[in-house]
Amino acid sequence: MELVERIVRGVHPPGTPLPPEPALCETFSVSRTVVREAVKILQEKGLVQIRQGSGTIVTSPTTWNMLDELVLGATIAQDDGVEVLDDLVVTRRLLESDMAHMAARLGTTATVERLRMLVDQMDELVGDPVTYADHDRAFHDTIMQASGNRIARAVVRSLESQVVNTARYMGRTERALCVASNLGHRRVYERIADRDPHGAAQAMFTHITEAWLVRRSGPSEPVRLQR
């Protein structure tokens, strides 16, 4: 929705009213009914607030629903650096560390065997970054499923769906980086196989942190992931 992008880009800054209905109808060549529906959707996403006598006011970014795919996608596209992606990775790291902890407690023999198979396969795929990435996601999703935390898994999958094809998130894909990444996977797998919940959580925390710092690295990028 173009209005979402305009608000995120600051075309309509926080605290200011959206243009009146006739102006929006003219700008987008749509009827008043369509405009009203669009404003209702914006309100549901936390982007605007309808105030009696003041019109439709753009809200502060602190009230925006960042789990909404349109809002998150537009925010990532607008972000000149990687601050939003940093926040996304921190959120993912917290949730996946906890899910690794639970997977070490609750994971079945079949779960452990699938993780072992995926790690071994990724060792053979380090020269094929596209197929490697597919197996990487399968590895993490196997752990998330084994944790039994459907809400945390849904949040991570929703967040990742917005960035999985984003160059700034995927970063560099050299063979050596895939090799290093899979060493992290293997440490996570080993802790889960050993039924070591705390070790699994720490291994996942370290893996996600190190993998992202490598992917996001640049000559002048500050590191601010230690939370």
Protein backbone atom coordinates (compact mmCIF):
# COMPACT_ATOMS: atom_id res chain seq x y z
CA MET A 1 0.00 0.00 0.00
CA GLU A 2 1.54 3.28 -1.14
CA LEU A 3 0.20 5.23 1.85
CA VAL A 4 2.15 2.93 4.19
CA GLU A 5 5.34 3.66 2.27
CA ARG A 6 4.65 7.40 2.26
CA ILE A 7 4.19 7.47 6.02
CA VAL A 8 7.30 5.38 6.67
CA ARG A 9 9.33 7.57 4.28
CA GLY A 10 8.21 10.67 6.17
CA VAL A 11 6.19 12.17 3.33
CA HIS A 12 3.49 12.50 5.99
CA PRO A 13 5.46 13.07 9.23
CA PRO A 14 4.29 11.96 12.68
CA GLY A 15 1.87 14.40 14.27
CA THR A 16 0.63 15.79 10.96
CA PRO A 17 -2.76 15.07 9.38
CA LEU A 18 -3.15 13.03 6.24
CA PRO A 19 -4.49 15.02 3.30
CA PRO A 20 -8.31 15.24 3.25
CA GLU A 21 -10.34 12.56 1.50
CA PRO A 22 -10.88 14.53 -1.75
CA ALA A 23 -7.14 15.09 -2.11
CA LEU A 24 -6.37 11.40 -1.49
CA CYS A 25 -9.05 10.38 -3.99
CA GLU A 26 -7.46 12.63 -6.59
CA THR A 27 -3.89 11.55 -5.81
CA PHE A 28 -4.63 7.83 -6.09
CA SER A 29 -7.55 8.01 -8.56
CA VAL A 30 -9.86 6.05 -6.27
CA SER A 31 -13.26 6.54 -4.67
CA ARG A 32 -13.95 7.83 -1.18
CA THR A 33 -14.97 4.31 -0.17
CA VAL A 34 -11.51 3.02 -1.11
CA VAL A 35 -9.81 5.87 0.76
CA ARG A 36 -11.87 5.20 3.88
CA GLU A 37 -10.99 1.51 3.76
CA ALA A 38 -7.31 2.40 3.32
CA VAL A 39 -7.39 4.74 6.32
CA LYS A 40 -9.05 2.02 8.38
CA ILE A 41 -6.22 -0.35 7.46
CA LEU A 42 -3.63 2.28 8.37
CA GLN A 43 -5.31 2.67 11.75
CA GLU A 44 -5.20 -1.11 12.32
CA LYS A 45 -1.46 -1.06 11.60
CA GLY A 46 -0.96 1.70 14.16
CA LEU A 47 0.16 4.25 11.57
CA VAL A 48 -2.63 6.78 12.06
CA GLN A 49 -5.14 7.84 14.65
CA ILE A 50 -8.51 9.33 13.81
CA ARG A 51 -9.21 12.33 16.05
CA GLN A 52 -12.57 14.02 16.17
CA GLY A 53 -12.19 17.51 14.79
CA SER A 54 -8.53 17.06 13.83
CA GLY A 55 -8.75 14.52 11.05
CA THR A 56 -6.51 11.50 10.53
CA ILE A 57 -3.19 12.09 12.31
CA VAL A 58 0.00 10.18 11.55
CA THR A 59 1.28 8.52 14.72
CA SER A 60 4.79 8.17 16.15
CA PRO A 61 6.85 5.20 14.85
CA THR A 62 6.80 3.84 18.41
CA THR A 63 3.14 2.90 17.91
CA TRP A 64 3.55 1.19 14.53
CA ASN A 65 2.95 -2.55 14.31
CA MET A 66 6.41 -3.72 13.31
CA LEU A 67 5.21 -7.32 12.91
CA ASP A 68 2.95 -6.22 10.08
CA GLU A 69 4.61 -7.27 6.83
CA LEU A 70 3.87 -4.00 5.00
CA VAL A 71 5.11 -1.82 7.84
CA LEU A 72 8.24 -3.90 8.45
CA GLY A 73 9.02 -4.20 4.74
CA ALA A 74 8.65 -0.45 4.18
CA THR A 75 10.75 0.33 7.27
CA ILE A 76 13.56 -1.95 6.16
CA ALA A 77 13.49 -0.46 2.67
CA GLN A 78 13.65 3.05 4.11
CA ASP A 79 16.47 2.31 6.58
CA ASP A 80 19.73 3.63 5.08
CA GLY A 81 21.86 1.53 7.41
CA VAL A 82 21.17 -1.74 9.18
CA GLU A 83 19.64 -0.53 12.45
CA VAL A 84 16.27 -2.17 11.79
CA LEU A 85 17.99 -5.38 10.72
CA ASP A 86 20.11 -5.26 13.89
CA ASP A 87 16.92 -5.07 15.95
CA LEU A 88 15.41 -7.92 13.95
CA VAL A 89 18.47 -10.12 14.57
CA VAL A 90 18.48 -9.30 18.29
CA THR A 91 14.82 -10.34 18.49
CA ARG A 92 15.45 -13.50 16.52
CA ARG A 93 18.48 -14.33 18.69
CA LEU A 94 16.53 -14.05 21.93
CA LEU A 95 13.66 -16.19 20.67
CA GLU A 96 15.78 -18.84 18.97
CA SER A 97 18.13 -19.17 21.94
CA ASP A 98 15.15 -19.97 24.14
CA MET A 99 13.76 -22.38 21.56
CA ALA A 100 17.13 -24.17 21.34
CA HIS A 101 17.01 -24.49 25.15
CA MET A 102 13.58 -26.12 24.89
CA ALA A 103 14.59 -28.31 21.93
CA ALA A 104 17.43 -29.77 24.01
CA ARG A 105 14.86 -30.66 26.67
CA LEU A 106 11.99 -31.81 24.47
CA GLY A 107 13.51 -32.84 21.14
CA THR A 108 12.93 -36.42 20.06
CA THR A 109 15.47 -38.86 18.68
CA ALA A 110 14.04 -38.09 15.24
CA THR A 111 14.69 -34.38 15.79
CA VAL A 112 18.32 -35.01 16.74
CA GLU A 113 18.79 -37.28 13.72
CA ARG A 114 17.33 -34.68 11.36
CA LEU A 115 19.61 -31.99 12.77
CA ARG A 116 22.63 -34.27 12.33
CA MET A 117 21.60 -35.01 8.74
CA LEU A 118 21.15 -31.32 7.93
CA VAL A 119 24.51 -30.35 9.43
CA ASP A 120 26.27 -33.11 7.50
CA GLN A 121 24.54 -32.08 4.29
CA MET A 122 25.51 -28.43 4.81
CA ASP A 123 29.14 -29.52 5.09
CA GLU A 124 28.78 -30.74 1.51
CA LEU A 125 26.94 -27.63 0.33
CA VAL A 126 29.33 -24.87 1.42
CA GLY A 127 30.13 -24.15 -2.23
CA ASP A 128 26.45 -23.75 -3.14
CA PRO A 129 25.17 -20.78 -1.09
CA VAL A 130 21.58 -20.96 -2.38
CA THR A 131 21.04 -24.62 -1.46
CA TYR A 132 23.06 -24.12 1.71
CA ALA A 133 20.69 -21.31 2.75
CA ASP A 134 17.67 -23.58 2.23
CA HIS A 135 19.20 -26.20 4.53
CA ASP A 136 20.21 -23.49 7.01
CA ARG A 137 16.58 -22.37 7.32
CA ALA A 138 15.45 -26.00 7.64
CA PHE A 139 17.94 -26.52 10.47
CA HIS A 140 16.65 -23.54 12.43
CA ASP A 141 13.02 -24.42 11.74
CA THR A 142 13.54 -27.99 12.96
CA ILE A 143 14.76 -26.59 16.28
CA MET A 144 11.88 -24.13 16.49
CA GLN A 145 9.34 -26.89 15.85
CA ALA A 146 10.99 -29.14 18.44
CA SER A 147 10.71 -26.39 21.06
CA GLY A 148 6.93 -26.53 20.87
CA ASN A 149 6.71 -22.72 21.03
CA ARG A 150 4.41 -22.00 18.11
CA ILE A 151 4.14 -18.27 18.83
CA ALA A 152 7.90 -17.68 18.96
CA ARG A 153 8.32 -19.73 15.78
CA ALA A 154 5.61 -17.72 14.03
CA VAL A 155 7.26 -14.43 15.02
CA VAL A 156 10.68 -15.54 13.75
CA ARG A 157 9.26 -16.90 10.51
CA SER A 158 7.26 -13.69 9.97
CA LEU A 159 10.32 -11.52 10.54
CA GLU A 160 12.57 -13.61 8.33
CA SER A 161 10.03 -13.71 5.50
CA GLN A 162 10.54 -9.95 5.09
CA VAL A 163 14.32 -10.11 4.78
CA VAL A 164 15.28 -13.53 3.48
CA ASN A 165 15.73 -12.15 -0.05
CA THR A 166 17.24 -8.85 1.07
CA ALA A 167 20.89 -8.44 0.10
CA ARG A 168 21.66 -6.37 3.21
CA TYR A 169 20.38 -9.20 5.44
CA MET A 170 21.85 -12.14 3.53
CA GLY A 171 25.21 -10.41 3.21
CA ARG A 172 28.30 -12.14 1.90
CA THR A 173 28.09 -15.80 0.85
CA GLU A 174 31.69 -16.92 0.27
CA ARG A 175 32.50 -20.59 0.83
CA ALA A 176 34.61 -19.83 3.90
CA LEU A 177 31.69 -18.03 5.53
CA CYS A 178 29.39 -21.00 4.96
CA VAL A 179 32.05 -23.25 6.52
CA ALA A 180 32.25 -20.99 9.59
CA SER A 181 28.46 -20.78 9.80
CA ASN A 182 28.08 -24.54 9.78
CA LEU A 183 30.57 -24.91 12.61
CA GLY A 184 28.08 -22.86 14.60
CA HIS A 185 25.25 -25.14 13.50
CA ARG A 186 27.23 -28.18 14.56
CA ARG A 187 27.85 -26.76 18.02
CA VAL A 188 24.11 -26.14 18.43
CA TYR A 189 23.31 -29.66 17.20
CA GLU A 190 25.86 -31.24 19.57
CA ARG A 191 24.44 -29.42 22.60
CA ILE A 192 20.90 -30.50 21.68
CA ALA A 193 22.05 -34.08 21.08
CA ASP A 194 23.76 -34.02 24.50
CA ARG A 195 20.50 -32.79 26.10
CA ASP A 196 22.27 -29.68 27.36
CA PRO A 197 19.61 -26.91 27.39
CA HIS A 198 21.86 -24.11 28.64
CA GLY A 199 24.65 -25.10 26.29
CA ALA A 200 22.23 -25.23 23.37
CA ALA A 201 20.88 -21.77 24.17
CA GLN A 202 24.38 -20.29 24.43
CA ALA A 203 25.50 -22.02 21.22
CA MET A 204 22.51 -20.60 19.35
CA PHE A 205 23.08 -17.13 20.82
CA THR A 206 26.72 -17.20 19.72
CA HIS A 207 25.95 -18.65 16.29
CA ILE A 208 23.33 -16.05 15.38
CA THR A 209 25.49 -13.20 16.70
CA GLU A 210 28.66 -14.26 14.90
CA ALA A 211 26.88 -15.09 11.64
CA TRP A 212 25.15 -11.71 11.53
CA LEU A 213 28.25 -9.71 12.43
CA VAL A 214 30.03 -11.32 9.47
CA ARG A 215 27.10 -10.73 7.10
CA ARG A 216 26.63 -7.10 8.12
CA SER A 217 30.33 -6.23 8.25
CA GLY A 218 31.62 -3.29 6.28
CA PRO A 219 34.50 -0.84 6.51
CA SER A 220 32.62 1.61 8.74
CA GLU A 221 29.73 -0.34 10.22
CA PRO A 222 29.50 -0.05 14.02
CA VAL A 223 28.73 -3.19 16.03
CA ARG A 224 25.87 -2.81 18.52
CA LEU A 225 24.47 -6.29 18.98
CA GLN A 226 25.73 -6.97 22.51
CA ARG A 227 22.45 -6.68 24.43
